[in-house]
N, C-alpha and C. Protein backbone atom coordinates (compact mmCIF):
# COMPACT_ATOMS: atom_id res chain seq x y z
N MET A 1 -7.94 79.83 -178.65
CA MET A 1 -7.18 80.05 -177.45
C MET A 1 -7.83 81.35 -176.90
N ALA A 2 -7.10 82.22 -176.19
CA ALA A 2 -7.85 83.33 -175.29
C ALA A 2 -7.96 84.35 -175.83
N SER A 3 -7.24 84.47 -177.13
CA SER A 3 -7.11 85.85 -177.85
C SER A 3 -7.90 85.87 -178.89
N SER A 4 -8.82 84.80 -178.98
CA SER A 4 -9.82 84.94 -180.34
C SER A 4 -10.90 85.75 -180.22
N ALA A 5 -11.42 86.31 -181.23
CA ALA A 5 -12.55 87.07 -181.08
C ALA A 5 -13.87 86.65 -180.37
N ALA A 6 -14.06 85.15 -180.46
CA ALA A 6 -15.40 84.49 -180.15
C ALA A 6 -15.06 84.92 -178.14
N ASN A 7 -13.93 84.64 -177.62
CA ASN A 7 -13.76 84.56 -176.54
C ASN A 7 -13.99 86.07 -175.65
N VAL A 8 -14.05 86.99 -176.76
CA VAL A 8 -14.36 88.30 -176.05
C VAL A 8 -15.79 88.66 -175.65
N LEU A 9 -16.59 88.05 -176.35
CA LEU A 9 -18.44 87.85 -176.28
C LEU A 9 -18.61 87.03 -175.26
N LEU A 10 -17.63 86.23 -174.46
CA LEU A 10 -17.96 85.22 -173.51
C LEU A 10 -17.59 85.97 -172.13
N THR A 11 -18.57 85.71 -171.04
CA THR A 11 -18.15 85.79 -169.72
C THR A 11 -17.15 84.90 -169.27
N HIS A 12 -16.44 85.32 -168.26
CA HIS A 12 -15.37 84.57 -167.65
C HIS A 12 -15.99 83.15 -167.16
N GLN A 13 -17.11 83.08 -166.47
CA GLN A 13 -18.04 81.94 -166.23
C GLN A 13 -18.24 81.14 -167.52
N GLN A 14 -18.61 81.56 -168.61
CA GLN A 14 -18.96 80.61 -169.72
C GLN A 14 -17.49 80.25 -170.16
N ARG A 15 -16.66 80.93 -170.25
CA ARG A 15 -15.29 80.41 -170.74
C ARG A 15 -14.89 79.07 -169.60
N VAL A 16 -14.92 79.37 -168.38
CA VAL A 16 -14.29 78.43 -167.58
C VAL A 16 -15.28 77.05 -167.94
N CYS A 17 -16.70 77.19 -167.74
CA CYS A 17 -17.47 76.14 -168.05
C CYS A 17 -17.11 75.35 -169.48
N ARG A 18 -16.79 75.98 -170.49
CA ARG A 18 -16.67 75.54 -171.81
C ARG A 18 -15.37 74.86 -171.50
N LEU A 19 -14.50 75.53 -170.88
CA LEU A 19 -12.90 74.70 -170.90
C LEU A 19 -13.35 73.54 -169.98
N TYR A 20 -14.01 73.51 -169.00
CA TYR A 20 -14.42 72.33 -168.14
C TYR A 20 -15.02 71.17 -169.12
N LYS A 21 -15.94 71.57 -169.66
CA LYS A 21 -16.65 70.60 -170.48
C LYS A 21 -15.71 70.01 -171.62
N LYS A 22 -14.95 70.86 -172.41
CA LYS A 22 -14.16 70.26 -173.17
C LYS A 22 -13.21 69.25 -172.54
N ALA A 23 -12.59 69.60 -171.34
CA ALA A 23 -11.49 69.11 -170.65
C ALA A 23 -11.94 67.50 -170.27
N ILE A 24 -13.25 67.39 -169.91
CA ILE A 24 -13.85 66.45 -169.59
C ILE A 24 -13.96 65.23 -170.91
N ARG A 25 -14.36 66.11 -171.84
CA ARG A 25 -14.65 65.35 -173.10
C ARG A 25 -13.44 64.74 -173.62
N HIS A 26 -12.39 65.47 -173.55
CA HIS A 26 -11.07 64.92 -174.09
C HIS A 26 -10.63 63.92 -173.27
N LEU A 27 -10.90 64.18 -171.83
CA LEU A 27 -10.51 62.75 -170.80
C LEU A 27 -11.18 61.57 -171.19
N GLN A 28 -12.54 61.68 -171.81
CA GLN A 28 -13.42 60.63 -171.99
C GLN A 28 -12.72 59.98 -173.25
N TRP A 29 -12.04 60.69 -174.12
CA TRP A 29 -11.34 60.11 -175.34
C TRP A 29 -10.03 59.53 -174.87
N TRP A 30 -9.32 60.12 -174.10
CA TRP A 30 -8.05 59.54 -173.59
C TRP A 30 -8.01 58.12 -172.72
N TYR A 31 -8.99 58.22 -172.03
CA TYR A 31 -9.23 56.97 -171.09
C TYR A 31 -10.55 56.36 -171.29
N VAL A 32 -10.12 55.28 -172.15
CA VAL A 32 -11.56 54.47 -172.69
C VAL A 32 -12.09 53.58 -171.53
N ASP A 33 -11.31 53.18 -170.51
CA ASP A 33 -11.81 52.56 -169.32
C ASP A 33 -12.61 53.35 -168.63
N ARG A 34 -13.82 52.97 -168.10
CA ARG A 34 -14.95 53.95 -167.40
C ARG A 34 -14.40 54.32 -166.13
N ILE A 35 -13.91 53.37 -165.36
CA ILE A 35 -13.42 53.72 -164.14
C ILE A 35 -12.16 54.57 -163.99
N GLU A 36 -11.34 54.32 -164.87
CA GLU A 36 -10.18 55.17 -164.86
C GLU A 36 -10.38 56.49 -165.43
N PHE A 37 -11.54 56.55 -166.47
CA PHE A 37 -11.89 58.08 -166.58
C PHE A 37 -12.76 58.88 -165.67
N ARG A 38 -13.40 58.16 -164.82
CA ARG A 38 -14.33 58.63 -164.02
C ARG A 38 -13.39 59.36 -162.75
N TYR A 39 -12.18 58.35 -162.41
CA TYR A 39 -11.03 58.72 -161.55
C TYR A 39 -10.38 60.07 -162.01
N GLN A 40 -10.09 60.21 -163.45
CA GLN A 40 -9.33 61.26 -163.95
C GLN A 40 -10.25 62.58 -163.92
N ALA A 41 -11.71 62.32 -164.31
CA ALA A 41 -12.47 63.32 -164.29
C ALA A 41 -12.89 64.08 -162.60
N VAL A 42 -12.71 63.14 -161.69
CA VAL A 42 -12.85 63.61 -160.13
C VAL A 42 -11.61 64.50 -159.99
N LEU A 43 -10.33 63.91 -160.53
CA LEU A 43 -9.16 64.72 -160.55
C LEU A 43 -9.45 66.31 -161.16
N MET A 44 -9.77 66.32 -162.17
CA MET A 44 -10.06 67.35 -163.05
C MET A 44 -10.95 68.29 -162.27
N ARG A 45 -12.07 67.71 -161.71
CA ARG A 45 -13.03 68.60 -161.24
C ARG A 45 -12.32 69.45 -159.86
N SER A 46 -11.56 68.57 -159.18
CA SER A 46 -10.90 69.01 -158.18
C SER A 46 -10.00 70.22 -158.34
N ARG A 47 -9.28 70.15 -159.58
CA ARG A 47 -8.41 71.34 -159.88
C ARG A 47 -9.23 72.59 -160.37
N PHE A 48 -10.42 72.19 -160.89
CA PHE A 48 -11.21 73.47 -161.10
C PHE A 48 -11.80 74.08 -159.71
N ASP A 49 -12.32 73.18 -158.90
CA ASP A 49 -12.79 73.64 -157.64
C ASP A 49 -11.83 74.34 -156.76
N GLU A 50 -10.44 74.05 -157.06
CA GLU A 50 -9.31 74.83 -156.13
C GLU A 50 -9.57 76.18 -156.48
N SER A 51 -9.71 76.79 -157.64
CA SER A 51 -9.79 78.28 -157.85
C SER A 51 -11.18 78.88 -158.16
N LYS A 52 -12.29 77.98 -157.63
CA LYS A 52 -13.49 78.40 -157.79
C LYS A 52 -13.86 79.81 -157.09
N GLU A 53 -13.22 79.76 -156.01
CA GLU A 53 -13.60 80.89 -155.13
C GLU A 53 -12.79 82.07 -155.31
N GLU A 54 -11.91 82.04 -156.39
CA GLU A 54 -10.94 83.36 -156.47
C GLU A 54 -11.70 84.65 -156.92
N LYS A 55 -11.27 85.64 -155.96
CA LYS A 55 -12.12 86.88 -156.20
C LYS A 55 -11.11 87.80 -157.04
N ASP A 56 -10.05 87.82 -156.96
CA ASP A 56 -9.04 88.62 -157.99
C ASP A 56 -9.14 88.13 -159.31
N ILE A 57 -9.79 89.04 -160.11
CA ILE A 57 -10.22 88.76 -161.33
C ILE A 57 -8.86 88.56 -162.23
N LYS A 58 -7.94 89.27 -162.12
CA LYS A 58 -6.80 89.30 -162.87
C LYS A 58 -6.10 87.99 -162.83
N LEU A 59 -5.84 87.43 -161.47
CA LEU A 59 -5.49 85.96 -161.33
C LEU A 59 -6.47 84.87 -161.83
N ALA A 60 -7.65 85.16 -161.54
CA ALA A 60 -8.72 84.40 -162.34
C ALA A 60 -8.59 84.00 -163.66
N ASN A 61 -8.13 85.35 -164.48
CA ASN A 61 -7.84 85.33 -166.01
C ASN A 61 -6.61 84.58 -166.13
N LYS A 62 -5.65 84.77 -165.43
CA LYS A 62 -4.36 84.21 -165.50
C LYS A 62 -4.69 82.84 -165.54
N LEU A 63 -5.43 82.43 -164.52
CA LEU A 63 -5.55 80.88 -164.25
C LEU A 63 -6.31 80.08 -165.44
N LEU A 64 -7.32 80.95 -166.01
CA LEU A 64 -8.03 80.65 -167.21
C LEU A 64 -7.19 80.49 -168.45
N GLU A 65 -6.40 81.28 -168.42
CA GLU A 65 -5.32 81.40 -169.60
C GLU A 65 -4.55 80.08 -169.65
N ALA A 66 -4.03 79.99 -168.51
CA ALA A 66 -3.10 78.83 -168.24
C ALA A 66 -3.77 77.52 -168.38
N GLY A 67 -5.02 77.39 -168.13
CA GLY A 67 -5.82 76.32 -168.22
C GLY A 67 -6.17 75.93 -169.80
N GLU A 68 -6.62 76.93 -170.43
CA GLU A 68 -6.79 76.94 -172.13
C GLU A 68 -5.57 76.49 -172.58
N HIS A 69 -4.39 76.87 -172.34
CA HIS A 69 -2.80 76.77 -172.89
C HIS A 69 -2.62 75.10 -172.36
N GLU A 70 -3.13 74.59 -171.28
CA GLU A 70 -2.45 73.30 -171.12
C GLU A 70 -3.53 72.38 -171.68
N PHE A 71 -4.98 72.93 -171.90
CA PHE A 71 -5.91 72.01 -172.62
C PHE A 71 -5.22 71.98 -174.20
N TRP A 72 -4.99 73.14 -174.73
CA TRP A 72 -4.49 73.09 -176.00
C TRP A 72 -3.30 71.97 -176.30
N LYS A 73 -2.24 71.99 -175.21
CA LYS A 73 -1.01 71.09 -175.31
C LYS A 73 -1.63 69.67 -175.27
N ARG A 74 -2.55 69.36 -174.10
CA ARG A 74 -2.91 68.01 -173.97
C ARG A 74 -4.17 67.46 -174.56
N GLN A 75 -4.92 68.27 -175.62
CA GLN A 75 -5.99 67.70 -176.09
C GLN A 75 -5.82 66.34 -176.86
N HIS A 76 -6.66 65.71 -177.14
CA HIS A 76 -6.55 64.30 -177.78
C HIS A 76 -6.33 64.70 -179.31
N PRO A 77 -5.28 64.16 -179.93
CA PRO A 77 -5.26 64.13 -181.58
C PRO A 77 -6.35 63.71 -182.32
N GLN A 78 -7.10 62.74 -181.95
CA GLN A 78 -8.26 62.39 -182.72
C GLN A 78 -9.53 62.53 -182.08
N PRO A 79 -10.26 63.64 -181.76
CA PRO A 79 -11.22 63.61 -180.87
C PRO A 79 -12.56 62.94 -181.44
N TYR A 80 -13.48 62.37 -180.89
CA TYR A 80 -14.56 61.91 -181.40
C TYR A 80 -15.46 63.00 -181.79
N ILE A 81 -15.89 62.89 -183.08
CA ILE A 81 -16.97 64.06 -183.42
C ILE A 81 -18.33 63.51 -183.57
N PHE A 82 -19.38 63.70 -182.97
CA PHE A 82 -20.60 63.26 -183.10
C PHE A 82 -21.07 63.35 -184.42
N ILE A 83 -21.99 62.47 -185.11
CA ILE A 83 -22.31 62.53 -186.41
C ILE A 83 -23.21 63.55 -186.77
N ASP A 84 -23.96 64.21 -186.00
CA ASP A 84 -24.84 65.35 -186.16
C ASP A 84 -23.93 66.54 -185.97
N SER A 85 -22.99 66.82 -185.38
CA SER A 85 -22.36 67.99 -185.05
C SER A 85 -21.33 68.34 -186.40
N PRO A 86 -21.04 69.55 -186.25
CA PRO A 86 -20.37 70.12 -187.38
C PRO A 86 -19.12 69.33 -187.50
N GLY A 87 -18.62 68.77 -188.68
CA GLY A 87 -17.42 67.91 -189.07
C GLY A 87 -18.07 66.73 -188.83
N GLY A 88 -19.15 66.15 -188.62
CA GLY A 88 -19.53 64.93 -188.25
C GLY A 88 -20.11 64.54 -189.64
N SER A 89 -20.22 62.97 -190.03
CA SER A 89 -20.57 62.25 -191.18
C SER A 89 -21.81 62.63 -191.55
N ARG A 90 -22.93 62.91 -190.75
CA ARG A 90 -24.38 63.01 -191.07
C ARG A 90 -24.59 64.52 -190.84
N TYR A 91 -23.61 65.56 -190.71
CA TYR A 91 -23.93 66.88 -190.17
C TYR A 91 -24.89 67.41 -191.55
N GLU A 92 -25.92 68.06 -191.16
CA GLU A 92 -26.86 68.87 -192.24
C GLU A 92 -26.98 67.95 -193.45
N ARG A 93 -27.54 66.53 -193.11
CA ARG A 93 -27.87 65.57 -194.01
C ARG A 93 -29.37 65.59 -193.82
N ASN A 94 -30.03 65.52 -194.86
CA ASN A 94 -31.67 65.44 -194.96
C ASN A 94 -32.10 66.10 -194.02
N ILE A 95 -31.90 67.48 -194.40
CA ILE A 95 -32.53 68.53 -193.63
C ILE A 95 -34.22 68.43 -193.88
N PRO A 96 -34.91 68.56 -192.88
CA PRO A 96 -36.41 68.52 -193.21
C PRO A 96 -36.76 69.76 -194.09
N SER A 97 -37.64 69.68 -195.12
CA SER A 97 -37.88 70.68 -195.77
C SER A 97 -38.97 71.62 -195.06
N HIS A 98 -39.08 72.95 -195.39
CA HIS A 98 -39.79 73.86 -194.63
C HIS A 98 -41.42 73.76 -195.18
N GLU A 99 -42.07 73.93 -194.01
CA GLU A 99 -43.69 73.87 -194.30
C GLU A 99 -44.39 74.38 -195.59
N TRP A 100 -43.92 75.54 -195.96
CA TRP A 100 -44.29 76.24 -197.12
C TRP A 100 -44.30 75.35 -198.28
N VAL A 101 -43.56 74.29 -198.31
CA VAL A 101 -43.48 73.64 -199.45
C VAL A 101 -44.74 72.72 -199.99
N LEU A 102 -45.30 72.37 -198.81
CA LEU A 102 -46.72 71.73 -198.91
C LEU A 102 -47.79 72.73 -199.40
N ASP A 103 -47.56 73.93 -199.52
CA ASP A 103 -48.52 74.70 -200.01
C ASP A 103 -48.67 74.67 -201.79
N TYR A 104 -47.65 74.31 -202.27
CA TYR A 104 -47.46 74.13 -203.55
C TYR A 104 -47.53 72.70 -204.13
N TRP A 105 -48.30 71.71 -203.19
CA TRP A 105 -48.46 70.17 -203.40
C TRP A 105 -49.60 70.47 -204.41
N HIS A 106 -49.93 69.66 -205.31
CA HIS A 106 -51.06 69.69 -206.22
C HIS A 106 -52.15 69.03 -205.28
N PRO A 107 -53.43 69.27 -205.77
CA PRO A 107 -54.50 68.59 -204.89
C PRO A 107 -54.74 67.07 -205.15
N SER A 108 -53.99 66.61 -205.99
CA SER A 108 -54.19 65.10 -206.08
C SER A 108 -52.99 64.40 -205.12
N GLU A 109 -51.91 65.16 -204.95
CA GLU A 109 -50.97 64.77 -203.94
C GLU A 109 -51.42 65.17 -202.44
N LYS A 110 -52.13 66.08 -202.09
CA LYS A 110 -52.84 66.22 -201.07
C LYS A 110 -53.90 65.24 -200.52
N ALA A 111 -54.76 64.72 -201.78
CA ALA A 111 -55.61 63.83 -201.47
C ALA A 111 -55.36 62.46 -200.92
N ARG A 112 -53.94 62.30 -201.06
CA ARG A 112 -53.43 61.03 -200.53
C ARG A 112 -53.24 61.19 -199.00
N TYR A 113 -53.19 62.30 -198.49
CA TYR A 113 -53.05 62.46 -197.00
C TYR A 113 -54.05 63.34 -196.46
N PRO A 114 -55.45 62.90 -196.55
CA PRO A 114 -56.38 63.75 -196.04
C PRO A 114 -56.55 64.09 -194.67
N THR A 115 -55.93 63.24 -193.79
CA THR A 115 -56.24 63.47 -192.31
C THR A 115 -55.00 64.18 -192.11
N TYR A 116 -53.64 64.35 -192.48
CA TYR A 116 -52.85 65.22 -192.12
C TYR A 116 -52.91 66.67 -192.73
N PHE A 117 -53.80 66.71 -193.89
CA PHE A 117 -53.87 68.00 -194.33
C PHE A 117 -55.02 68.85 -193.84
N ALA A 118 -56.02 68.05 -193.04
CA ALA A 118 -57.09 68.45 -192.52
C ALA A 118 -56.59 69.09 -191.35
N LYS A 119 -55.69 68.50 -190.54
CA LYS A 119 -55.15 68.73 -189.36
C LYS A 119 -54.38 70.21 -189.52
N ARG A 120 -53.58 70.09 -190.76
CA ARG A 120 -52.80 71.31 -190.99
C ARG A 120 -53.58 72.48 -191.28
N GLU A 121 -54.66 72.29 -192.07
CA GLU A 121 -55.55 73.47 -192.22
C GLU A 121 -56.14 74.01 -190.91
N LYS A 122 -56.61 73.14 -190.06
CA LYS A 122 -56.89 73.90 -188.72
C LYS A 122 -56.01 74.29 -187.88
N ARG A 123 -54.78 73.87 -188.05
CA ARG A 123 -53.66 74.27 -187.40
C ARG A 123 -53.48 75.76 -187.65
N LEU A 124 -53.24 75.85 -189.00
CA LEU A 124 -52.90 77.14 -189.80
C LEU A 124 -54.11 78.26 -189.41
N ALA A 125 -55.16 77.76 -189.59
CA ALA A 125 -56.25 78.69 -188.95
C ALA A 125 -56.12 79.02 -187.52
N ASP A 126 -56.00 78.20 -186.58
CA ASP A 126 -55.59 78.57 -185.05
C ASP A 126 -54.55 79.57 -185.16
N GLU A 127 -53.42 79.56 -185.98
CA GLU A 127 -52.43 80.12 -185.94
C GLU A 127 -52.63 81.67 -186.25
N THR A 128 -53.32 81.64 -187.48
CA THR A 128 -53.79 82.91 -188.18
C THR A 128 -54.70 83.66 -187.00
N ALA A 129 -55.65 82.98 -186.42
CA ALA A 129 -56.47 83.45 -185.49
C ALA A 129 -55.62 84.24 -184.17
N ARG A 130 -54.80 83.26 -183.95
CA ARG A 130 -54.04 83.68 -182.73
C ARG A 130 -53.16 85.01 -183.13
N PHE A 131 -52.60 85.13 -184.20
CA PHE A 131 -51.70 86.29 -184.79
C PHE A 131 -52.76 87.46 -184.92
N LYS A 132 -53.72 87.19 -185.27
CA LYS A 132 -54.56 88.46 -185.08
C LYS A 132 -55.09 88.95 -184.01
N GLU A 133 -55.15 88.09 -182.89
CA GLU A 133 -55.55 88.42 -181.42
C GLU A 133 -54.33 89.29 -181.01
N LEU A 134 -53.32 88.86 -181.09
CA LEU A 134 -52.12 89.50 -180.72
C LEU A 134 -51.71 90.86 -181.28
N VAL A 135 -52.07 91.00 -182.73
CA VAL A 135 -51.94 92.29 -183.19
C VAL A 135 -52.93 93.19 -182.63
N ASP A 136 -54.08 92.72 -182.65
CA ASP A 136 -55.52 93.45 -181.57
C ASP A 136 -55.06 94.00 -180.31
N GLU A 137 -54.60 93.07 -179.79
CA GLU A 137 -53.90 93.16 -178.24
C GLU A 137 -52.75 94.34 -178.38
N GLU A 138 -51.82 94.31 -179.36
CA GLU A 138 -50.72 95.07 -179.32
C GLU A 138 -51.39 96.78 -179.80
N ALA A 139 -52.20 96.57 -180.69
CA ALA A 139 -53.06 97.99 -180.93
C ALA A 139 -53.65 98.54 -179.59
N LYS A 140 -54.42 97.57 -178.97
CA LYS A 140 -55.00 98.32 -177.62
C LYS A 140 -53.96 98.81 -176.74
N LEU A 141 -52.65 98.27 -176.42
CA LEU A 141 -51.98 98.72 -175.54
C LEU A 141 -51.20 99.76 -176.07
N VAL A 142 -51.00 100.14 -177.54
CA VAL A 142 -50.45 101.45 -178.07
C VAL A 142 -51.47 102.52 -177.90
N GLU A 143 -52.59 102.22 -177.83
CA GLU A 143 -53.71 103.02 -177.78
C GLU A 143 -53.72 103.77 -176.12
N GLN A 144 -53.50 102.48 -175.38
CA GLN A 144 -53.75 103.02 -174.00
C GLN A 144 -52.13 103.65 -173.54
N GLY A 145 -51.33 103.69 -174.52
CA GLY A 145 -49.90 104.21 -174.05
C GLY A 145 -48.98 103.63 -173.17
N LYS A 146 -49.34 102.16 -173.16
CA LYS A 146 -48.50 101.27 -172.55
C LYS A 146 -47.46 101.05 -173.34
N ILE A 147 -47.32 100.87 -174.38
CA ILE A 147 -46.30 100.55 -175.40
C ILE A 147 -46.07 101.64 -176.48
N SER A 148 -45.02 101.82 -176.99
CA SER A 148 -44.74 102.63 -178.17
C SER A 148 -45.18 101.91 -179.38
N PRO A 149 -45.82 102.61 -180.48
CA PRO A 149 -45.77 101.91 -181.82
C PRO A 149 -44.43 101.66 -182.29
N PRO A 150 -44.71 100.54 -183.28
CA PRO A 150 -43.42 100.33 -184.01
C PRO A 150 -43.23 101.19 -185.09
N PRO A 151 -42.24 101.64 -185.55
CA PRO A 151 -42.05 102.48 -186.44
C PRO A 151 -42.37 102.06 -187.90
N LEU A 152 -42.66 103.23 -188.72
CA LEU A 152 -43.49 102.78 -190.09
C LEU A 152 -42.37 102.39 -190.87
N SER A 153 -40.93 103.06 -190.68
CA SER A 153 -39.94 102.59 -191.56
C SER A 153 -38.58 102.22 -190.63
N LEU A 154 -38.23 101.34 -190.90
CA LEU A 154 -37.07 100.83 -189.99
C LEU A 154 -35.81 101.80 -190.29
N THR A 155 -35.09 102.33 -189.22
CA THR A 155 -33.89 102.80 -189.67
C THR A 155 -32.72 101.81 -189.56
N PRO A 156 -31.56 102.04 -189.64
CA PRO A 156 -30.24 101.11 -189.25
C PRO A 156 -30.25 100.89 -187.55
N ASP A 157 -30.43 102.10 -187.12
CA ASP A 157 -30.82 101.77 -185.45
C ASP A 157 -31.83 101.01 -184.90
N ASP A 158 -32.61 100.87 -185.61
CA ASP A 158 -33.91 100.06 -185.28
C ASP A 158 -33.60 98.41 -185.41
N THR A 159 -32.95 98.28 -186.16
CA THR A 159 -32.63 96.52 -186.47
C THR A 159 -32.39 95.97 -185.32
N ASP A 160 -31.67 96.69 -184.30
CA ASP A 160 -31.26 95.91 -182.91
C ASP A 160 -32.33 95.56 -182.07
N ARG A 161 -33.66 96.41 -182.27
CA ARG A 161 -34.75 96.25 -181.50
C ARG A 161 -35.82 95.41 -182.36
N TYR A 162 -35.70 95.25 -183.38
CA TYR A 162 -36.72 94.74 -184.15
C TYR A 162 -36.29 93.76 -185.14
N TYR A 163 -36.95 92.47 -185.18
CA TYR A 163 -36.34 91.69 -186.21
C TYR A 163 -36.82 92.10 -187.89
N VAL A 164 -35.59 92.19 -188.39
CA VAL A 164 -35.67 92.63 -189.84
C VAL A 164 -35.16 91.41 -190.52
N PRO A 165 -36.17 90.75 -191.39
CA PRO A 165 -35.45 89.61 -192.21
C PRO A 165 -34.80 90.15 -193.23
N LYS A 166 -33.77 89.40 -193.72
CA LYS A 166 -32.66 90.06 -194.76
C LYS A 166 -33.36 89.26 -196.10
């Protein structure tokens, strides 16, 4: 509902869009007949469009809260969960392994796939060369004073600006 911590991080527009999408999805599960579903979806869209141009943010928030409450009361008791979505029967099954695993293959295993590993070695060499170009380009920009150099040691304040793997 509206008091959850996740809603604090969302804008009003995002909350309205998510409410609309959830409402349409649940309508789809309530009305199996496509024609009846489309009719109900058009009615739902018209309800959202009625208050689309609301300028008073307090009234808009009240309408949104009422809509979320109504959705909560009228949601489908057994919503369809897509198989790859969280809660689905195939969620996070057979996750592809990371590419670095291939670095530990024995040469006899790599010999079975010579074309793939030749292309992979070329791609890795290209990526390494491109990375070196980017590092050199960044060093030139630092020398010219166009960007500031990255800090030698990161403080807790710097973790917001730089990616620091844990």
